[in-house]
Amino acid sequence: MKFDTLQQGIRFYEHYARLSGFDTRLSSTKKRKSDGKILLKYCVCSKDGFRETPRLHAECKKKRTITKMGCKERLTLKMINDQDNYVIFSFHEGHTHALTTPNSAHHTKQSRNLNLAHKKYIMDNSRANIGATKSYRLMKENVGGYQTRQHL
């Protein structure tokens, strides 16, 4: 596939990931030294790689769940013809984890978007000493669930 810009290619992969049931993140980039144009861009599953061993600092009291599982899903976008056009250079589909179901897809990071009304609701509640997490849960109860929060 050919894309007019790098951002279109990234959005295409994010859309594919949302429909398939996983989150993405941008990985490394290879740039041309002469002008700094991006030659290759790697987009990977958010569970790519492995978590570093936990550091024992005083501020790290909370245990975190392991989110990186060595997933091999990867899309490589490559610039063609010294233009700002990009093509899918390589694609490797190899998840090492279960994908989300359509019923739980609203919990993925890319599906969590707040529009202006949501942000205003949370800011109004913060003036009344109601924290952001509690405000978000109140908003979910008012509209009937996480899936329907965009209708607020």
C-alpha atoms as a PDB file:
ATOM      1  CA  MET A   1       0.000   0.000   0.000  1.00  0.00           C
ATOM      2  CA  LYS A   2       1.122   3.543  -0.702  1.00  0.00           C
ATOM      3  CA  PHE A   3       0.517   6.511   1.621  1.00  0.00           C
ATOM      4  CA  ASP A   4       0.903  10.192   0.839  1.00  0.00           C
ATOM      5  CA  THR A   5       2.427  10.938   4.252  1.00  0.00           C
ATOM      6  CA  LEU A   6       4.003   9.019   7.100  1.00  0.00           C
ATOM      7  CA  GLN A   7       1.126  10.022   9.388  1.00  0.00           C
ATOM      8  CA  GLN A   8      -1.396   8.393   7.037  1.00  0.00           C
ATOM      9  CA  GLY A   9       0.560   5.134   7.217  1.00  0.00           C
ATOM     10  CA  ILE A  10       0.684   5.284  11.013  1.00  0.00           C
ATOM     11  CA  ARG A  11      -3.051   6.030  11.237  1.00  0.00           C
ATOM     12  CA  PHE A  12      -3.761   3.100   8.908  1.00  0.00           C
ATOM     13  CA  TYR A  13      -1.818   0.724  11.188  1.00  0.00           C
ATOM     14  CA  GLU A  14      -3.527   2.118  14.311  1.00  0.00           C
ATOM     15  CA  HIS A  15      -6.921   1.577  12.684  1.00  0.00           C
ATOM     16  CA  TYR A  16      -5.958  -1.976  11.727  1.00  0.00           C
ATOM     17  CA  ALA A  17      -4.778  -2.601  15.298  1.00  0.00           C
ATOM     18  CA  ARG A  18      -8.008  -1.266  16.800  1.00  0.00           C
ATOM     19  CA  LEU A  19     -10.059  -3.582  14.578  1.00  0.00           C
ATOM     20  CA  SER A  20      -7.759  -6.533  15.319  1.00  0.00           C
ATOM     21  CA  GLY A  21      -7.785  -6.030  19.093  1.00  0.00           C
ATOM     22  CA  PHE A  22      -4.370  -4.672  20.096  1.00  0.00           C
ATOM     23  CA  ASP A  23      -2.638  -1.368  20.810  1.00  0.00           C
ATOM     24  CA  THR A  24       0.336   0.051  18.944  1.00  0.00           C
ATOM     25  CA  ARG A  25       3.260   2.277  19.662  1.00  0.00           C
ATOM     26  CA  LEU A  26       5.905   3.902  17.500  1.00  0.00           C
ATOM     27  CA  SER A  27       9.329   2.339  17.669  1.00  0.00           C
ATOM     28  CA  SER A  28      12.658   3.333  16.155  1.00  0.00           C
ATOM     29  CA  THR A  29      13.221   5.527  13.138  1.00  0.00           C
ATOM     30  CA  LYS A  30      15.975   5.613  10.517  1.00  0.00           C
ATOM     31  CA  LYS A  31      16.685   9.076   9.143  1.00  0.00           C
ATOM     32  CA  ARG A  32      18.806  10.292   6.265  1.00  0.00           C
ATOM     33  CA  LYS A  33      21.880  12.070   7.604  1.00  0.00           C
ATOM     34  CA  SER A  34      21.975  14.772   4.934  1.00  0.00           C
ATOM     35  CA  ASP A  35      18.509  16.269   5.444  1.00  0.00           C
ATOM     36  CA  GLY A  36      16.972  14.356   8.379  1.00  0.00           C
ATOM     37  CA  LYS A  37      14.075  12.900   6.370  1.00  0.00           C
ATOM     38  CA  ILE A  38      12.605   9.717   7.796  1.00  0.00           C
ATOM     39  CA  LEU A  39      13.525   6.758   5.599  1.00  0.00           C
ATOM     40  CA  LEU A  40      12.093   3.941   7.759  1.00  0.00           C
ATOM     41  CA  LYS A  41       9.557   4.041  10.576  1.00  0.00           C
ATOM     42  CA  TYR A  42       8.778   1.009  12.713  1.00  0.00           C
ATOM     43  CA  CYS A  43       5.322   0.619  14.274  1.00  0.00           C
ATOM     44  CA  VAL A  44       4.999  -2.216  16.773  1.00  0.00           C
ATOM     45  CA  CYS A  45       2.489  -3.807  19.110  1.00  0.00           C
ATOM     46  CA  SER A  46       2.435  -2.108  22.511  1.00  0.00           C
ATOM     47  CA  LYS A  47       3.489  -5.434  24.059  1.00  0.00           C
ATOM     48  CA  ASP A  48       6.698  -5.556  21.995  1.00  0.00           C
ATOM     49  CA  GLY A  49       9.906  -6.087  23.937  1.00  0.00           C
ATOM     50  CA  PHE A  50      10.397  -7.004  27.563  1.00  0.00           C
ATOM     51  CA  ARG A  51      10.185  -4.923  30.715  1.00  0.00           C
ATOM     52  CA  GLU A  52      13.425  -4.092  32.410  1.00  0.00           C
ATOM     53  CA  THR A  53      14.022  -5.623  35.798  1.00  0.00           C
ATOM     54  CA  PRO A  54      12.290  -3.484  38.420  1.00  0.00           C
ATOM     55  CA  ARG A  55      14.462  -0.950  40.171  1.00  0.00           C
ATOM     56  CA  LEU A  56      14.300  -0.797  43.926  1.00  0.00           C
ATOM     57  CA  HIS A  57      13.881   2.903  44.623  1.00  0.00           C
ATOM     58  CA  ALA A  58      12.023   4.476  47.491  1.00  0.00           C
ATOM     59  CA  GLU A  59       9.510   6.080  45.111  1.00  0.00           C
ATOM     60  CA  CYS A  60       8.757   2.747  43.354  1.00  0.00           C
ATOM     61  CA  LYS A  61       6.504   1.237  46.000  1.00  0.00           C
ATOM     62  CA  LYS A  62       3.732   0.162  43.660  1.00  0.00           C
ATOM     63  CA  LYS A  63       3.991  -3.131  41.798  1.00  0.00           C
ATOM     64  CA  ARG A  64       3.192  -2.820  38.126  1.00  0.00           C
ATOM     65  CA  THR A  65       1.674  -5.464  35.936  1.00  0.00           C
ATOM     66  CA  ILE A  66       3.810  -6.882  33.159  1.00  0.00           C
ATOM     67  CA  THR A  67       2.612  -5.364  29.902  1.00  0.00           C
ATOM     68  CA  LYS A  68       5.495  -6.197  27.582  1.00  0.00           C
ATOM     69  CA  MET A  69       5.531  -9.801  26.431  1.00  0.00           C
ATOM     70  CA  GLY A  70       7.994  -9.925  23.546  1.00  0.00           C
ATOM     71  CA  CYS A  71       5.323  -9.594  20.875  1.00  0.00           C
ATOM     72  CA  LYS A  72       6.742  -9.717  17.346  1.00  0.00           C
ATOM     73  CA  GLU A  73       3.971  -7.785  15.547  1.00  0.00           C
ATOM     74  CA  ARG A  74       5.640  -5.099  13.431  1.00  0.00           C
ATOM     75  CA  LEU A  75       4.923  -2.840  10.476  1.00  0.00           C
ATOM     76  CA  THR A  76       7.732  -1.038   8.652  1.00  0.00           C
ATOM     77  CA  LEU A  77       6.974   2.043   6.564  1.00  0.00           C
ATOM     78  CA  LYS A  78       9.591   3.065   3.981  1.00  0.00           C
ATOM     79  CA  MET A  79       9.975   6.303   2.033  1.00  0.00           C
ATOM     80  CA  ILE A  80       9.911   5.901  -1.735  1.00  0.00           C
ATOM     81  CA  ASN A  81      11.421   8.012  -4.523  1.00  0.00           C
ATOM     82  CA  ASP A  82      12.759  10.775  -2.218  1.00  0.00           C
ATOM     83  CA  GLN A  83       9.220  12.083  -1.905  1.00  0.00           C
ATOM     84  CA  ASP A  84       7.131  12.156   1.222  1.00  0.00           C
ATOM     85  CA  ASN A  85       5.317   9.045   0.024  1.00  0.00           C
ATOM     86  CA  TYR A  86       5.598   5.866   2.075  1.00  0.00           C
ATOM     87  CA  VAL A  87       4.839   2.219   1.410  1.00  0.00           C
ATOM     88  CA  ILE A  88       4.478  -0.773   3.689  1.00  0.00           C
ATOM     89  CA  PHE A  89       7.964  -2.254   3.406  1.00  0.00           C
ATOM     90  CA  SER A  90       7.410  -5.214   5.701  1.00  0.00           C
ATOM     91  CA  PHE A  91       4.705  -6.598   7.944  1.00  0.00           C
ATOM     92  CA  HIS A  92       5.109  -9.369  10.481  1.00  0.00           C
ATOM     93  CA  GLU A  93       2.057 -10.689  12.268  1.00  0.00           C
ATOM     94  CA  GLY A  94       3.145 -12.673  15.291  1.00  0.00           C
ATOM     95  CA  HIS A  95       1.370 -11.881  18.524  1.00  0.00           C
ATOM     96  CA  THR A  96       2.532 -13.727  21.620  1.00  0.00           C
ATOM     97  CA  HIS A  97      -0.501 -12.689  23.654  1.00  0.00           C
ATOM     98  CA  ALA A  98      -4.274 -12.828  23.481  1.00  0.00           C
ATOM     99  CA  LEU A  99      -6.001 -10.047  21.558  1.00  0.00           C
ATOM    100  CA  THR A 100      -8.859  -8.066  23.055  1.00  0.00           C
ATOM    101  CA  THR A 101     -12.423  -9.006  22.253  1.00  0.00           C
ATOM    102  CA  PRO A 102     -14.875  -6.504  20.742  1.00  0.00           C
ATOM    103  CA  ASN A 103     -16.621  -6.294  24.138  1.00  0.00           C
ATOM    104  CA  SER A 104     -13.437  -5.176  25.896  1.00  0.00           C
ATOM    105  CA  ALA A 105     -11.921  -3.111  23.067  1.00  0.00           C
ATOM    106  CA  HIS A 106     -13.001   0.124  24.761  1.00  0.00           C
ATOM    107  CA  HIS A 107     -10.341  -0.526  27.440  1.00  0.00           C
ATOM    108  CA  THR A 108      -7.436  -0.302  24.994  1.00  0.00           C
ATOM    109  CA  LYS A 109      -5.287   2.801  25.177  1.00  0.00           C
ATOM    110  CA  GLN A 110      -6.134   4.008  21.677  1.00  0.00           C
ATOM    111  CA  SER A 111      -9.850   3.852  22.436  1.00  0.00           C
ATOM    112  CA  ARG A 112      -9.550   6.050  25.504  1.00  0.00           C
ATOM    113  CA  ASN A 113     -10.230   9.511  24.160  1.00  0.00           C
ATOM    114  CA  LEU A 114     -11.753  12.422  26.023  1.00  0.00           C
ATOM    115  CA  ASN A 115     -13.564  15.078  24.073  1.00  0.00           C
ATOM    116  CA  LEU A 116     -14.000  18.659  25.249  1.00  0.00           C
ATOM    117  CA  ALA A 117     -17.220  17.894  27.158  1.00  0.00           C
ATOM    118  CA  HIS A 118     -15.519  15.065  29.087  1.00  0.00           C
ATOM    119  CA  LYS A 119     -12.578  17.295  29.987  1.00  0.00           C
ATOM    120  CA  LYS A 120     -14.892  20.097  31.129  1.00  0.00           C
ATOM    121  CA  TYR A 121     -16.865  17.648  33.287  1.00  0.00           C
ATOM    122  CA  ILE A 122     -13.664  16.449  34.970  1.00  0.00           C
ATOM    123  CA  MET A 123     -12.398  20.017  35.464  1.00  0.00           C
ATOM    124  CA  ASP A 124     -15.729  21.096  36.984  1.00  0.00           C
ATOM    125  CA  ASN A 125     -15.583  18.162  39.379  1.00  0.00           C
ATOM    126  CA  SER A 126     -12.000  18.994  40.332  1.00  0.00           C
ATOM    127  CA  ARG A 127     -13.190  22.405  41.554  1.00  0.00           C
ATOM    128  CA  ALA A 128     -15.487  20.481  43.897  1.00  0.00           C
ATOM    129  CA  ASN A 129     -12.532  18.375  45.172  1.00  0.00           C
ATOM    130  CA  ILE A 130     -13.544  15.292  43.183  1.00  0.00           C
ATOM    131  CA  GLY A 131     -10.490  13.626  41.626  1.00  0.00           C
ATOM    132  CA  ALA A 132     -10.111  12.748  37.951  1.00  0.00           C
ATOM    133  CA  THR A 133     -10.516   8.991  38.454  1.00  0.00           C
ATOM    134  CA  LYS A 134     -13.657   9.381  40.513  1.00  0.00           C
ATOM    135  CA  SER A 135     -15.031  11.912  37.994  1.00  0.00           C
ATOM    136  CA  TYR A 136     -14.417   9.488  35.152  1.00  0.00           C
ATOM    137  CA  ARG A 137     -16.239   6.729  37.028  1.00  0.00           C
ATOM    138  CA  LEU A 138     -19.143   9.101  37.795  1.00  0.00           C
ATOM    139  CA  MET A 139     -19.329  10.028  34.127  1.00  0.00           C
ATOM    140  CA  LYS A 140     -19.406   6.325  33.215  1.00  0.00           C
ATOM    141  CA  GLU A 141     -22.326   5.754  35.615  1.00  0.00           C
ATOM    142  CA  ASN A 142     -24.232   8.759  34.253  1.00  0.00           C
ATOM    143  CA  VAL A 143     -24.028   7.620  30.639  1.00  0.00           C
ATOM    144  CA  GLY A 144     -24.455   3.886  31.273  1.00  0.00           C
ATOM    145  CA  GLY A 145     -20.980   2.427  30.757  1.00  0.00           C
ATOM    146  CA  TYR A 146     -17.547   2.947  29.276  1.00  0.00           C
ATOM    147  CA  GLN A 147     -18.784   2.082  25.780  1.00  0.00           C
ATOM    148  CA  THR A 148     -21.348   4.894  25.744  1.00  0.00           C
ATOM    149  CA  ARG A 149     -19.242   7.651  27.321  1.00  0.00           C
ATOM    150  CA  GLN A 150     -18.697   9.325  23.943  1.00  0.00           C
ATOM    151  CA  HIS A 151     -22.409  10.230  23.914  1.00  0.00           C
ATOM    152  CA  LEU A 152     -22.077  12.540  26.917  1.00  0.00           C
END
